[in-house]
Protein backbone atom coordinates (compact mmCIF):
# COMPACT_ATOMS: atom_id res chain seq x y z
CA MET A 1 12.37 -19.99 10.92
CA ASN A 2 15.62 -21.75 11.79
CA VAL A 3 18.24 -20.51 14.24
CA ARG A 4 20.47 -19.12 11.50
CA GLU A 5 17.63 -17.08 10.01
CA GLU A 6 16.55 -15.91 13.46
CA LEU A 7 20.06 -14.63 14.20
CA GLY A 8 20.12 -13.01 10.78
CA GLN A 9 16.85 -11.21 11.48
CA ILE A 10 18.20 -9.89 14.78
CA SER A 11 21.39 -8.74 13.06
CA TRP A 12 19.45 -7.00 10.30
CA PHE A 13 17.18 -5.23 12.79
CA THR A 14 20.15 -4.11 14.89
CA LYS A 15 21.83 -2.55 11.87
CA ARG A 16 18.67 -0.79 10.73
CA TYR A 17 18.00 0.66 14.19
CA ARG A 18 21.51 1.40 15.38
CA GLU A 19 21.03 5.17 15.07
CA PRO A 20 19.28 6.89 17.99
CA ARG A 21 17.32 8.97 15.48
CA ARG A 22 15.55 5.84 14.25
CA TRP A 23 14.45 4.97 17.78
CA LEU A 24 13.27 8.52 18.40
CA ARG A 25 11.18 8.46 15.23
CA GLN A 26 9.71 5.08 16.17
CA LEU A 27 8.85 6.23 19.68
CA ARG A 28 7.26 9.37 18.24
CA VAL A 29 5.02 7.17 16.13
CA ILE A 30 4.16 4.81 18.98
CA ARG A 31 3.06 7.69 21.21
CA HIS A 32 0.66 8.99 18.56
CA LEU A 33 -0.83 5.75 17.23
CA ASP A 34 -3.93 4.58 19.10
CA LEU A 35 -4.60 0.91 18.40
CA PRO A 36 -7.88 -0.96 18.90
CA ALA A 37 -8.14 -4.10 20.99
CA LEU A 38 -6.74 -6.96 18.94
CA PRO A 39 -6.60 -10.70 19.55
CA ARG A 40 -3.42 -11.69 21.44
CA GLN A 41 -2.21 -15.08 20.36
CA ARG A 42 0.79 -16.91 18.97
CA ARG A 43 1.42 -16.82 15.24
CA ARG A 44 -1.16 -18.90 13.39
CA PRO A 45 0.26 -20.65 10.32
CA GLY A 46 -1.38 -19.34 7.18
CA GLU A 47 -3.14 -16.36 8.75
CA VAL A 48 -2.86 -13.27 6.53
CA TRP A 49 -3.22 -9.71 7.80
CA GLY A 50 -3.30 -6.54 5.73
CA VAL A 51 -2.02 -3.34 7.37
CA SER A 52 -2.46 0.17 6.03
CA LEU A 53 -2.21 3.88 6.75
CA VAL A 54 -4.84 6.06 5.07
CA ARG A 55 -5.86 9.69 4.81
CA ASP A 56 -8.80 11.14 2.89
CA GLU A 57 -9.43 8.02 0.79
CA GLY A 58 -13.20 7.94 1.15
CA ASP A 59 -13.79 7.37 -2.56
CA VAL A 60 -11.73 4.17 -2.69
CA ILE A 61 -11.23 2.62 0.74
CA GLU A 62 -14.47 0.60 0.88
CA ALA A 63 -13.72 -1.02 -2.47
CA THR A 64 -10.20 -1.85 -1.29
CA VAL A 65 -11.37 -3.35 2.01
CA ARG A 66 -13.97 -5.54 0.33
CA HIS A 67 -11.51 -6.56 -2.36
CA LEU A 68 -8.89 -7.73 0.17
CA PHE A 69 -11.43 -9.73 2.15
CA GLY A 70 -12.51 -11.22 -1.17
CA GLN A 71 -8.86 -12.19 -1.69
CA GLY A 72 -8.99 -14.30 1.46
CA VAL A 73 -7.15 -11.92 3.79
CA ASP A 74 -8.13 -12.84 7.36
CA HIS A 75 -7.85 -9.45 9.09
CA LEU A 76 -7.21 -5.81 8.15
CA LEU A 77 -5.63 -3.27 10.51
CA ILE A 78 -6.05 0.25 9.10
CA ALA A 79 -4.89 3.46 10.77
CA ASP A 80 -6.59 6.71 9.80
CA ASN A 81 -4.24 9.71 9.72
CA GLY A 82 -6.55 12.65 10.41
CA SER A 83 -8.95 12.32 7.47
CA HIS A 84 -11.37 15.16 6.79
CA ASP A 85 -13.46 13.55 4.04
CA GLY A 86 -15.36 10.97 6.10
CA THR A 87 -12.83 8.16 5.67
CA LEU A 88 -12.66 7.44 9.41
CA GLU A 89 -16.43 7.39 9.78
CA LEU A 90 -16.71 5.06 6.79
CA LEU A 91 -14.08 2.72 8.24
CA ARG A 92 -15.93 2.61 11.54
CA ARG A 93 -19.21 1.75 9.79
CA LEU A 94 -17.46 -0.96 7.82
CA SER A 95 -15.85 -2.38 10.97
CA ALA A 96 -19.31 -2.72 12.53
CA GLU A 97 -20.32 -4.79 9.50
CA LEU A 98 -16.97 -6.57 9.09
CA PRO A 99 -15.59 -7.47 12.55
CA ARG A 100 -12.24 -8.56 11.07
CA LEU A 101 -11.58 -4.93 10.11
CA HIS A 102 -9.74 -3.13 12.92
CA VAL A 103 -9.48 0.67 12.89
CA ALA A 104 -6.62 2.60 14.54
CA LEU A 105 -6.08 6.35 14.95
CA ASP A 106 -2.82 7.94 13.83
CA ARG A 107 -2.35 11.37 15.43
CA GLU A 108 1.18 11.97 14.05
CA PRO A 109 0.98 14.42 11.11
CA ALA A 110 4.49 13.78 9.75
CA TYR A 111 5.01 11.30 6.94
CA LEU A 112 6.81 8.66 9.01
CA GLN A 113 5.32 5.87 6.95
CA SER A 114 7.98 3.22 7.52
CA GLU A 115 7.81 3.57 11.29
CA LYS A 116 4.01 3.61 11.28
CA MET A 117 3.64 0.59 9.03
CA THR A 118 6.32 -1.28 10.98
CA TRP A 119 4.40 -0.71 14.22
CA LEU A 120 1.12 -1.85 12.64
CA ALA A 121 2.86 -4.97 11.29
CA HIS A 122 4.28 -5.68 14.75
CA HIS A 123 0.80 -5.61 16.28
CA ALA A 124 -0.54 -7.82 13.50
CA TRP A 125 2.20 -10.32 14.39
CA ARG A 126 1.19 -10.14 18.06
CA ALA A 127 -2.40 -10.83 17.02
CA GLY A 128 -1.40 -14.03 15.25
CA ALA A 129 -0.51 -13.01 11.69
CA ASP A 130 1.72 -15.35 9.71
CA TRP A 131 1.83 -13.06 6.65
CA ILE A 132 1.70 -9.26 6.41
CA VAL A 133 0.34 -7.46 3.34
CA PRO A 134 1.28 -3.76 3.68
CA PHE A 135 -1.14 -1.98 1.35
CA ASP A 136 -2.19 1.53 0.43
CA ALA A 137 -5.85 2.49 0.12
CA ASP A 138 -5.57 2.71 -3.67
CA GLU A 139 -4.00 -0.73 -4.21
CA PHE A 140 -5.91 -3.78 -5.42
CA TRP A 141 -3.82 -6.92 -4.84
CA PHE A 142 -4.14 -10.08 -6.94
CA ALA A 143 -2.54 -13.44 -7.61
CA ARG A 144 -2.74 -15.35 -10.86
CA GLY A 145 -5.38 -18.11 -10.84
CA THR A 146 -5.96 -18.01 -7.07
CA THR A 147 -6.49 -15.59 -4.19
CA VAL A 148 -3.73 -13.53 -2.60
CA ALA A 149 -4.11 -15.34 0.73
CA ASP A 150 -4.01 -18.82 -0.79
CA TYR A 151 -0.95 -17.90 -2.83
CA LEU A 152 0.89 -16.66 0.28
CA ARG A 153 -0.07 -19.74 2.27
CA ARG A 154 1.74 -21.91 -0.25
CA GLN A 155 5.03 -20.00 0.09
CA THR A 156 7.99 -20.92 2.30
CA VAL A 157 9.99 -17.71 1.74
CA GLY A 158 10.26 -14.50 3.76
CA ILE A 159 9.24 -11.98 1.09
CA VAL A 160 6.91 -12.10 -1.92
CA HIS A 161 7.24 -9.35 -4.52
CA ALA A 162 4.25 -7.83 -6.29
CA ASN A 163 4.27 -6.30 -9.77
CA PHE A 164 2.93 -2.75 -9.59
CA HIS A 165 0.68 -1.60 -12.45
CA HIS A 166 -0.55 2.00 -12.42
CA MET A 167 -4.05 2.68 -13.70
CA VAL A 168 -6.27 5.74 -14.08
CA PRO A 169 -10.06 5.78 -14.56
CA THR A 170 -11.24 7.12 -17.91
CA VAL A 171 -13.86 9.22 -16.08
CA ALA A 172 -13.04 11.34 -13.01
CA SER A 173 -14.49 10.06 -9.71
CA PRO A 174 -16.38 7.13 -11.23
CA GLU A 175 -19.29 5.69 -9.27
CA PRO A 176 -19.39 2.89 -8.44
CA LEU A 177 -15.64 2.55 -8.58
CA VAL A 178 -15.71 -1.23 -8.94
CA ASP A 179 -17.49 -0.91 -12.30
CA ALA A 180 -15.14 1.75 -13.68
CA GLU A 181 -13.09 1.44 -16.83
CA PHE A 182 -9.38 2.09 -16.24
CA ILE A 183 -6.42 2.73 -18.50
CA LEU A 184 -3.86 0.29 -17.08
CA ASP A 185 -0.15 0.33 -17.86
CA SER A 186 0.79 -3.21 -18.83
CA THR A 187 4.44 -2.43 -17.99
CA PRO A 188 4.89 -2.81 -14.21
CA SER A 189 6.49 0.09 -12.39
CA TRP A 190 9.78 -0.43 -10.58
CA PRO A 191 10.39 -1.25 -7.72
CA GLY A 192 7.00 -2.82 -6.98
CA LYS A 193 5.69 -3.73 -3.52
CA VAL A 194 6.06 -6.68 -1.14
CA ALA A 195 4.22 -8.94 1.26
CA ALA A 196 6.32 -10.37 4.09
CA ARG A 197 6.20 -13.21 6.57
CA SER A 198 5.52 -11.76 10.00
CA HIS A 199 8.16 -11.37 12.69
CA PRO A 200 8.44 -9.23 15.84
CA LEU A 201 11.45 -7.46 14.30
CA LEU A 202 10.02 -7.05 10.81
CA GLU A 203 10.57 -3.59 9.31
CA ILE A 204 8.47 -2.22 6.46
CA ILE A 205 10.54 -0.05 4.09
CA PRO A 206 9.18 3.43 3.09
CA GLY A 207 6.50 3.18 0.44
CA ASN A 208 5.99 -0.52 1.25
CA HIS A 209 8.50 -1.20 -1.52
CA GLY A 210 10.46 -3.66 0.59
CA ALA A 211 10.83 -5.22 4.01
CA SER A 212 13.71 -6.12 6.29
CA ARG A 213 12.97 -9.82 6.49
CA VAL A 214 15.46 -12.68 6.42
CA GLY A 215 14.52 -15.63 4.24
CA GLY A 216 14.15 -16.41 0.56
CA GLU A 217 12.26 -14.24 -1.89
CA THR A 218 9.89 -14.92 -4.74
CA ASP A 219 7.34 -13.09 -6.87
CA GLY A 220 3.85 -13.95 -8.10
CA LEU A 221 1.62 -11.15 -6.77
CA PHE A 222 0.21 -8.20 -8.72
CA ILE A 223 -1.23 -4.80 -7.84
CA ALA A 224 -3.60 -2.63 -9.86
CA HIS A 225 -2.78 0.82 -8.52
CA ALA A 226 -5.53 3.46 -8.72
CA GLN A 227 -3.27 6.24 -7.47
CA TYR A 228 -4.99 9.09 -9.34
CA ARG A 229 -8.78 9.16 -9.64
CA SER A 230 -9.82 12.77 -10.37
CA PRO A 231 -8.26 16.25 -10.62
CA VAL A 232 -9.55 17.12 -7.13
CA GLN A 233 -8.09 13.94 -5.65
CA VAL A 234 -4.77 14.48 -7.46
CA ALA A 235 -4.48 18.00 -6.04
CA ARG A 236 -5.29 16.83 -2.51
CA LYS A 237 -2.86 13.91 -2.70
CA VAL A 238 0.19 15.84 -3.87
CA ARG A 239 -0.42 18.87 -1.64
CA GLN A 240 -1.20 16.91 1.53
CA GLY A 241 1.60 14.45 0.84
CA THR A 242 4.15 17.21 0.38
CA ALA A 243 3.07 18.96 3.58
CA ALA A 244 3.30 15.72 5.59
CA ALA A 245 6.67 14.83 4.07
CA ARG A 246 8.12 18.22 4.96
CA LEU A 247 7.23 17.62 8.61
CA THR A 248 9.80 14.82 8.68
CA GLY A 249 12.59 17.38 8.25
CA GLU A 250 14.10 15.35 5.42
CA LYS A 251 14.62 16.12 1.75
CA LEU A 252 11.79 15.04 -0.51
CA ASP A 253 13.78 14.11 -3.61
CA TRP A 254 14.41 10.49 -2.61
CA PHE A 255 10.92 9.31 -1.71
CA SER A 256 8.29 11.78 -2.93
CA PRO A 257 9.64 13.89 -5.82
CA HIS A 258 6.34 13.56 -7.69
CA TRP A 259 4.47 14.98 -4.70
CA GLU A 260 6.68 18.05 -4.48
CA GLU A 261 6.58 18.73 -8.21
CA GLY A 262 2.85 18.14 -8.34
CA SER A 263 2.21 20.43 -5.36
CA LYS A 264 3.68 23.33 -7.36
CA LEU A 265 1.01 23.00 -10.05
CA SER A 266 -1.99 25.33 -10.26
CA ASP A 267 -5.49 23.88 -10.46
CA ALA A 268 -5.37 24.45 -14.22
CA GLY A 269 -2.04 22.61 -14.38
CA ILE A 270 -3.50 19.66 -12.50
CA GLU A 271 -6.48 19.58 -14.89
CA ASP A 272 -4.00 19.41 -17.77
CA VAL A 273 -2.13 16.56 -16.05
CA TRP A 274 -5.40 14.72 -15.52
CA ASN A 275 -6.31 15.07 -19.19
CA ASN A 276 -3.03 13.38 -20.08
CA ILE A 277 -3.01 10.50 -17.63
CA SER A 278 -6.73 9.66 -17.98
CA HIS A 279 -6.08 9.16 -21.70
CA GLY A 280 -3.09 6.90 -21.10
CA ARG A 281 -0.45 9.50 -21.85
CA PRO A 282 2.69 10.06 -19.72
CA ASP A 283 3.19 13.23 -17.72
CA ALA A 284 6.56 14.08 -16.21
CA ARG A 285 5.04 16.57 -13.78
CA LEU A 286 3.72 13.67 -11.70
CA GLY A 287 6.35 11.19 -12.78
CA TYR A 288 3.63 9.22 -14.58
CA LYS A 289 5.45 7.18 -17.21
CA ALA A 290 2.71 5.30 -19.06
CA ALA A 291 5.30 2.97 -20.57
CA GLY A 292 2.59 0.86 -22.19
CA PRO A 293 1.03 -0.78 -23.90
CA MET A 294 -1.86 1.04 -22.22
CA LEU A 295 -4.97 -1.13 -21.91
CA SER A 296 -8.64 -0.26 -21.34
CA LEU A 297 -9.82 -2.73 -18.69
CA HIS A 298 -12.14 -3.24 -15.70
CA PRO A 299 -9.63 -4.63 -13.15
CA LEU A 300 -11.85 -4.17 -10.10
CA GLN A 301 -14.20 -6.79 -11.50
CA TRP A 302 -11.42 -9.40 -11.58
CA ARG A 303 -11.23 -12.15 -8.98
CA THR A 304 -7.73 -13.17 -10.11
CA TRP A 305 -4.98 -11.32 -11.94
CA ASP A 306 -5.44 -10.79 -15.68
CA PRO A 307 -8.00 -13.58 -16.19
CA ASP A 308 -8.11 -13.01 -19.96
CA GLY A 309 -4.33 -12.98 -20.32
CA VAL A 310 -4.11 -9.54 -21.92
CA VAL A 311 -1.68 -7.79 -19.54
CA GLY A 312 1.24 -10.20 -19.41
CA GLY A 313 4.72 -8.91 -18.64
CA ARG A 314 7.13 -9.24 -15.75
CA LEU A 315 8.70 -6.74 -13.39
CA THR A 316 11.24 -4.56 -15.14
CA ASP A 317 13.58 -1.88 -13.87
CA SER A 318 11.92 1.20 -15.37
CA ARG A 319 13.78 3.82 -13.37
């Protein structure tokens, strides 16, 4: 990073954090996020860290962890936000098997995702990360013809965009998940997600849809997004998400309208939504667009993105 870019990063950070409220929110997060012991070293060129915040994702998190390590990611730093379904216990068992998985505890109930992910990314930078992949538990990251880590190591930019493809299993709560058939939307959903080159002043934007990072930008990554996996999981996601978002004291219409609308549905309404989306049909109640073409695939068996060349497509503004 040259001097001009370094000054630009400082300027960007100063503008983003010029309001005292931002600092108060960040300090609130720092006080309630218990981090494990991490390596303390200077940035190591080419080292890729994934960071994540999870809650009640026991049906998917192991598959995601193993997938990311299979994509060449060097370390994962995952914070559990008060799970009740055994997610934390599962992560701890996995970390005993996979020492490059580091488990943190998030005791802040409010949905302050940007501040939490930013703090996790900062600690990954301190531990030597060169690249940060901010991921959700239900996201399976890919590159075309290579691994995610190898693709990032070849880049000289600050941000890499990832096309975001929603998918729903054809059977609720499939076991094992990695063998499941999904209905995948071949049209990527706007605005996608990003990976970013690490920096002590890097900020992760809410939803991991962007990052405050000076430097060039490119694309070339892809995400198969298993956001909804059963009626029970849909109900838990929208109701818990809405409750956590309300604790921020902010309006929900700009970052989680689908949570709020979905939380108003009865169990029967959620079953009806599930019947639609698991058959590749759109449903406005969850903001599920299903722009199509909708494809029946097994994405969790892929090692690289779309190996048979059936998905195709580029990121489009589908707002």
